[in-house]
Protein backbone atom coordinates (compact mmCIF):
# COMPACT_ATOMS: atom_id res chain seq x y z
CA MET A 1 176.98 265.65 117.09
CA ASN A 2 178.87 268.70 115.88
CA CYS A 3 175.76 271.11 116.44
CA ILE A 4 176.71 274.38 118.45
CA PHE A 5 173.55 274.60 120.36
CA CYS A 6 174.28 271.37 121.30
CA LYS A 7 178.22 272.52 122.56
CA ILE A 8 176.36 275.22 124.00
CA ILE A 9 174.70 273.23 126.18
CA ASN A 10 177.02 270.54 127.10
CA LYS A 11 179.19 273.09 128.03
CA GLU A 12 182.48 272.30 125.87
CA LEU A 13 181.43 275.78 124.17
CA GLU A 14 180.94 278.96 126.07
CA ALA A 15 177.85 281.06 126.25
CA LYS A 16 176.26 284.26 128.03
CA ILE A 17 173.19 282.35 129.50
CA TYR A 18 170.40 284.52 130.53
CA TYR A 19 168.25 281.44 131.62
CA GLU A 20 168.24 277.96 132.30
CA ASP A 21 166.42 274.99 134.29
CA ALA A 22 166.04 271.12 132.81
CA HIS A 23 164.70 271.81 129.58
CA CYS A 24 166.03 275.45 127.73
CA LEU A 25 168.50 277.42 127.90
CA ALA A 26 168.63 281.67 126.91
CA ILE A 27 171.32 283.52 125.15
CA ASN A 28 172.69 286.06 123.04
CA ASP A 29 172.66 286.26 119.36
CA ILE A 30 176.22 286.52 118.19
CA HIS A 31 175.09 288.56 115.16
CA PRO A 32 171.42 290.98 116.72
CA LYS A 33 168.88 291.81 114.35
CA ALA A 34 167.95 293.87 118.07
CA PRO A 35 168.89 296.08 121.09
CA VAL A 36 167.60 292.51 122.61
CA HIS A 37 168.27 290.00 120.40
CA LEU A 38 168.36 286.25 121.92
CA LEU A 39 167.73 282.68 121.22
CA ILE A 40 165.76 280.58 123.47
CA ILE A 41 167.32 276.99 122.89
CA PRO A 42 165.66 273.66 124.18
CA LYS A 43 168.22 271.08 125.56
CA GLN A 44 167.31 268.03 123.25
CA HIS A 45 168.11 268.53 119.69
CA ILE A 46 165.33 268.90 117.62
CA ALA A 47 166.43 269.86 114.86
CA THR A 48 164.44 272.09 112.72
CA LEU A 49 160.99 272.94 113.72
CA ASN A 50 158.76 270.61 111.17
CA ASP A 51 160.53 267.48 113.32
CA LEU A 52 158.80 268.10 116.52
CA LYS A 53 156.34 265.54 117.04
CA GLY A 54 153.53 265.79 118.73
CA ASP A 55 154.35 264.91 122.40
CA GLU A 56 157.22 267.52 122.63
CA THR A 57 154.81 270.58 122.03
CA LEU A 58 155.20 270.68 125.94
CA LEU A 59 158.77 271.65 125.34
CA ALA A 60 156.99 273.78 122.52
CA GLY A 61 155.07 275.69 125.26
CA ARG A 62 157.96 275.32 127.21
CA LEU A 63 160.42 278.36 125.43
CA ILE A 64 157.37 280.33 124.30
CA GLN A 65 157.43 281.08 128.75
CA VAL A 66 160.40 281.47 128.36
CA ALA A 67 160.47 283.78 126.22
CA LYS A 68 157.77 285.74 127.94
CA GLN A 69 159.80 286.01 130.80
CA MET A 70 162.90 287.07 129.51
CA ALA A 71 161.31 289.51 127.12
CA THR A 72 160.10 291.09 130.70
CA LYS A 73 163.64 290.55 132.35
CA MET A 74 164.42 292.62 129.84
CA GLU A 75 162.25 295.26 129.45
CA ILE A 76 161.05 295.04 126.46
CA ALA A 77 157.79 293.47 127.10
CA GLN A 78 155.97 296.29 127.06
CA PRO A 79 155.97 298.75 124.30
CA GLY A 80 157.13 294.91 122.39
CA TYR A 81 158.86 292.22 121.19
CA GLN A 82 158.91 289.76 118.45
CA LEU A 83 159.01 285.92 118.80
CA VAL A 84 160.51 284.44 115.39
CA ILE A 85 161.14 280.32 114.68
CA ASN A 86 162.89 279.72 111.57
CA CYS A 87 161.91 276.32 110.02
CA ASN A 88 165.27 275.03 106.93
CA GLU A 89 167.14 277.32 104.61
CA GLY A 90 164.58 279.05 103.10
CA GLY A 91 162.40 279.61 106.07
CA GLY A 92 166.40 281.24 107.20
CA GLN A 93 167.71 278.71 109.25
CA VAL A 94 170.91 278.91 109.74
CA ILE A 95 171.76 276.49 112.96
CA TYR A 96 169.94 273.12 112.53
CA HIS A 97 168.87 272.71 116.09
CA LEU A 98 165.34 274.21 116.96
CA HIS A 99 165.09 277.35 118.59
CA LEU A 100 162.96 280.75 118.97
CA HIS A 101 164.35 284.06 118.31
CA LEU A 102 163.37 287.21 120.87
CA LEU A 103 163.58 290.54 119.31
CA GLY A 104 162.99 293.85 121.05
CA GLY A 105 164.23 297.38 122.04
CA LYS A 106 163.39 298.67 119.11
CA ARG A 107 160.04 298.94 116.45
CA LEU A 108 160.20 295.94 115.17
CA HIS A 109 158.49 295.41 111.72
CA LEU A 110 156.66 292.64 111.32
CA ALA A 111 157.78 289.73 108.97
CA GLY A 112 155.98 289.00 105.89
């Protein structure tokens, strides 16, 4: 598989890892849209949000819990932050491995 996130997960590519457990990891976005812009990535390869199956609901919840934990660690929990999941080209997805964006550190405008 030629997935950049799978290569990072498998330690074939280097990345600054802010968090890692058995199910996911958190790294910097290389094209940040905010002072804090982390990607929370499941270790299981799931191409898009549309490919998430019912039995993977706990994994999706885990990504949100890790994002909350990282927001506290990065000192953006207060005053606030955004969580974003892009899905497919029309939704702005560039890497086809499900991931959650954690953005904060400045006033953000809501998408939509």
